[in-house]
Amino acid sequence: MNPGTGSSTRTREHRSQAPGRLGTGVCAVVLSLGALVTGYVVLTAYMIEPDGPWDTQAVTNSEVAGGVGLALSAVTALLTWLFVRAEWLRRWWYALPVAFAVAALLRLTLLAPGL
């Protein structure tokens, strides 16, 4: 076997792995930023508490933040599905949007602020 052939095969393998690593890094950054924004919105939904029985605006703000957090977690879940399907990321990345969706749903239902 020609020694030059083996080295070109290694070069091709090395080149084919570089876009995969770059894609993995870009996807990880995109999902991390999405998780950061979603987490902030869901945390905001939990931080809003009414000052008294007259403070319906605080309840509305908490519901809006919970709804936006749920929508953002759905978008993040779709992006995660796309990136996992392309084999750029592992399946454990699904845990982030699921956790945020559960937290947002809890705030909208069982843990909703009352007047």
C-alpha atoms as a PDB file:
ATOM      1  CA  MET A   1       0.000   0.000   0.000  1.00  0.00           C
ATOM      2  CA  ASN A   2       1.233   3.448  -0.823  1.00  0.00           C
ATOM      3  CA  PRO A   3       2.189   5.510   2.269  1.00  0.00           C
ATOM      4  CA  GLY A   4       0.791   8.640   0.629  1.00  0.00           C
ATOM      5  CA  THR A   5      -2.668   7.081   0.410  1.00  0.00           C
ATOM      6  CA  GLY A   6      -2.889   6.486   4.154  1.00  0.00           C
ATOM      7  CA  SER A   7      -1.892  10.036   4.973  1.00  0.00           C
ATOM      8  CA  SER A   8      -4.473  11.534   2.600  1.00  0.00           C
ATOM      9  CA  THR A   9      -7.157   9.359   4.198  1.00  0.00           C
ATOM     10  CA  ARG A  10      -6.192  10.677   7.607  1.00  0.00           C
ATOM     11  CA  THR A  11      -6.280  14.210   6.251  1.00  0.00           C
ATOM     12  CA  ARG A  12      -9.777  13.678   4.851  1.00  0.00           C
ATOM     13  CA  GLU A  13     -10.961  12.213   8.150  1.00  0.00           C
ATOM     14  CA  HIS A  14      -9.486  15.157  10.031  1.00  0.00           C
ATOM     15  CA  ARG A  15     -11.149  17.637   7.663  1.00  0.00           C
ATOM     16  CA  SER A  16     -14.519  15.886   7.915  1.00  0.00           C
ATOM     17  CA  GLN A  17     -14.413  16.090  11.722  1.00  0.00           C
ATOM     18  CA  ALA A  18     -13.675  19.828  11.784  1.00  0.00           C
ATOM     19  CA  PRO A  19     -17.120  20.982  10.519  1.00  0.00           C
ATOM     20  CA  GLY A  20     -18.774  18.582  12.973  1.00  0.00           C
ATOM     21  CA  ARG A  21     -16.907  20.118  15.883  1.00  0.00           C
ATOM     22  CA  LEU A  22     -17.636  23.605  14.631  1.00  0.00           C
ATOM     23  CA  GLY A  23     -21.311  22.724  14.188  1.00  0.00           C
ATOM     24  CA  THR A  24     -21.413  21.249  17.681  1.00  0.00           C
ATOM     25  CA  GLY A  25     -19.873  24.392  19.135  1.00  0.00           C
ATOM     26  CA  VAL A  26     -22.234  26.721  17.299  1.00  0.00           C
ATOM     27  CA  CYS A  27     -25.278  24.642  18.262  1.00  0.00           C
ATOM     28  CA  ALA A  28     -24.170  24.500  21.894  1.00  0.00           C
ATOM     29  CA  VAL A  29     -23.749  28.286  21.992  1.00  0.00           C
ATOM     30  CA  VAL A  30     -27.137  28.881  20.340  1.00  0.00           C
ATOM     31  CA  LEU A  31     -28.931  26.542  22.744  1.00  0.00           C
ATOM     32  CA  SER A  32     -27.062  27.934  25.743  1.00  0.00           C
ATOM     33  CA  LEU A  33     -28.138  31.462  24.845  1.00  0.00           C
ATOM     34  CA  GLY A  34     -31.696  30.243  24.312  1.00  0.00           C
ATOM     35  CA  ALA A  35     -31.640  28.520  27.694  1.00  0.00           C
ATOM     36  CA  LEU A  36     -30.280  31.657  29.336  1.00  0.00           C
ATOM     37  CA  VAL A  37     -33.057  33.839  27.919  1.00  0.00           C
ATOM     38  CA  THR A  38     -35.747  31.241  28.669  1.00  0.00           C
ATOM     39  CA  GLY A  39     -34.468  30.772  32.198  1.00  0.00           C
ATOM     40  CA  TYR A  40     -34.498  34.523  32.789  1.00  0.00           C
ATOM     41  CA  VAL A  41     -38.099  34.835  31.584  1.00  0.00           C
ATOM     42  CA  VAL A  42     -39.281  31.880  33.671  1.00  0.00           C
ATOM     43  CA  LEU A  43     -37.427  33.215  36.714  1.00  0.00           C
ATOM     44  CA  THR A  44     -39.105  36.579  36.171  1.00  0.00           C
ATOM     45  CA  ALA A  45     -42.473  34.827  36.160  1.00  0.00           C
ATOM     46  CA  TYR A  46     -41.647  33.364  39.571  1.00  0.00           C
ATOM     47  CA  MET A  47     -40.321  36.658  40.966  1.00  0.00           C
ATOM     48  CA  ILE A  48     -43.523  38.595  40.266  1.00  0.00           C
ATOM     49  CA  GLU A  49     -45.862  38.521  43.265  1.00  0.00           C
ATOM     50  CA  PRO A  50     -48.928  40.719  43.805  1.00  0.00           C
ATOM     51  CA  ASP A  51     -48.687  43.382  46.513  1.00  0.00           C
ATOM     52  CA  GLY A  52     -52.277  42.876  47.578  1.00  0.00           C
ATOM     53  CA  PRO A  53     -55.766  41.906  46.426  1.00  0.00           C
ATOM     54  CA  TRP A  54     -55.915  44.946  44.142  1.00  0.00           C
ATOM     55  CA  ASP A  55     -52.723  44.091  42.194  1.00  0.00           C
ATOM     56  CA  THR A  56     -54.174  42.319  39.173  1.00  0.00           C
ATOM     57  CA  GLN A  57     -51.408  43.757  37.001  1.00  0.00           C
ATOM     58  CA  ALA A  58     -48.796  41.626  38.809  1.00  0.00           C
ATOM     59  CA  VAL A  59     -50.864  38.487  38.217  1.00  0.00           C
ATOM     60  CA  THR A  60     -51.197  39.389  34.538  1.00  0.00           C
ATOM     61  CA  ASN A  61     -47.461  40.070  34.266  1.00  0.00           C
ATOM     62  CA  SER A  62     -46.672  36.711  35.855  1.00  0.00           C
ATOM     63  CA  GLU A  63     -49.006  34.931  33.436  1.00  0.00           C
ATOM     64  CA  VAL A  64     -47.486  36.715  30.441  1.00  0.00           C
ATOM     65  CA  ALA A  65     -43.940  35.891  31.560  1.00  0.00           C
ATOM     66  CA  GLY A  66     -44.957  32.255  32.113  1.00  0.00           C
ATOM     67  CA  GLY A  67     -46.537  32.086  28.662  1.00  0.00           C
ATOM     68  CA  VAL A  68     -43.509  33.663  26.996  1.00  0.00           C
ATOM     69  CA  GLY A  69     -41.239  31.267  28.892  1.00  0.00           C
ATOM     70  CA  LEU A  70     -43.335  28.330  27.692  1.00  0.00           C
ATOM     71  CA  ALA A  71     -43.173  29.578  24.094  1.00  0.00           C
ATOM     72  CA  LEU A  72     -39.411  30.092  24.311  1.00  0.00           C
ATOM     73  CA  SER A  73     -38.939  26.601  25.720  1.00  0.00           C
ATOM     74  CA  ALA A  74     -40.943  25.226  22.770  1.00  0.00           C
ATOM     75  CA  VAL A  75     -38.695  27.085  20.320  1.00  0.00           C
ATOM     76  CA  THR A  76     -35.614  25.845  22.167  1.00  0.00           C
ATOM     77  CA  ALA A  77     -37.001  22.291  22.079  1.00  0.00           C
ATOM     78  CA  LEU A  78     -37.505  22.512  18.321  1.00  0.00           C
ATOM     79  CA  LEU A  79     -33.949  23.783  17.842  1.00  0.00           C
ATOM     80  CA  THR A  80     -32.680  20.999  20.095  1.00  0.00           C
ATOM     81  CA  TRP A  81     -34.586  18.433  18.044  1.00  0.00           C
ATOM     82  CA  LEU A  82     -33.061  19.835  14.860  1.00  0.00           C
ATOM     83  CA  PHE A  83     -29.506  19.804  16.248  1.00  0.00           C
ATOM     84  CA  VAL A  84     -29.824  16.310  17.735  1.00  0.00           C
ATOM     85  CA  ARG A  85     -31.336  15.041  14.480  1.00  0.00           C
ATOM     86  CA  ALA A  86     -28.332  16.440  12.596  1.00  0.00           C
ATOM     87  CA  GLU A  87     -26.125  14.591  15.140  1.00  0.00           C
ATOM     88  CA  TRP A  88     -24.347  17.745  16.226  1.00  0.00           C
ATOM     89  CA  LEU A  89     -25.503  17.425  19.831  1.00  0.00           C
ATOM     90  CA  ARG A  90     -26.378  14.613  22.225  1.00  0.00           C
ATOM     91  CA  ARG A  91     -29.838  13.758  23.496  1.00  0.00           C
ATOM     92  CA  TRP A  92     -29.254  15.151  27.001  1.00  0.00           C
ATOM     93  CA  TRP A  93     -29.736  18.651  25.559  1.00  0.00           C
ATOM     94  CA  TYR A  94     -33.482  17.911  25.619  1.00  0.00           C
ATOM     95  CA  ALA A  95     -33.364  18.238  29.410  1.00  0.00           C
ATOM     96  CA  LEU A  96     -33.041  22.044  29.334  1.00  0.00           C
ATOM     97  CA  PRO A  97     -36.188  22.927  27.360  1.00  0.00           C
ATOM     98  CA  VAL A  98     -38.186  20.246  29.184  1.00  0.00           C
ATOM     99  CA  ALA A  99     -37.146  21.613  32.582  1.00  0.00           C
ATOM    100  CA  PHE A 100     -38.049  25.173  31.595  1.00  0.00           C
ATOM    101  CA  ALA A 101     -41.379  24.055  30.100  1.00  0.00           C
ATOM    102  CA  VAL A 102     -42.280  22.206  33.300  1.00  0.00           C
ATOM    103  CA  ALA A 103     -41.305  25.220  35.418  1.00  0.00           C
ATOM    104  CA  ALA A 104     -43.362  27.575  33.229  1.00  0.00           C
ATOM    105  CA  LEU A 105     -46.370  25.234  33.285  1.00  0.00           C
ATOM    106  CA  LEU A 106     -46.167  24.954  37.058  1.00  0.00           C
ATOM    107  CA  ARG A 107     -46.133  28.745  37.370  1.00  0.00           C
ATOM    108  CA  LEU A 108     -49.122  29.039  35.049  1.00  0.00           C
ATOM    109  CA  THR A 109     -51.159  26.375  36.863  1.00  0.00           C
ATOM    110  CA  LEU A 110     -50.359  25.088  40.347  1.00  0.00           C
ATOM    111  CA  LEU A 111     -48.012  27.842  41.494  1.00  0.00           C
ATOM    112  CA  ALA A 112     -49.866  30.780  39.936  1.00  0.00           C
ATOM    113  CA  PRO A 113     -50.008  33.884  42.115  1.00  0.00           C
ATOM    114  CA  GLY A 114     -53.387  34.465  43.677  1.00  0.00           C
ATOM    115  CA  LEU A 115     -55.100  37.589  44.836  1.00  0.00           C
END
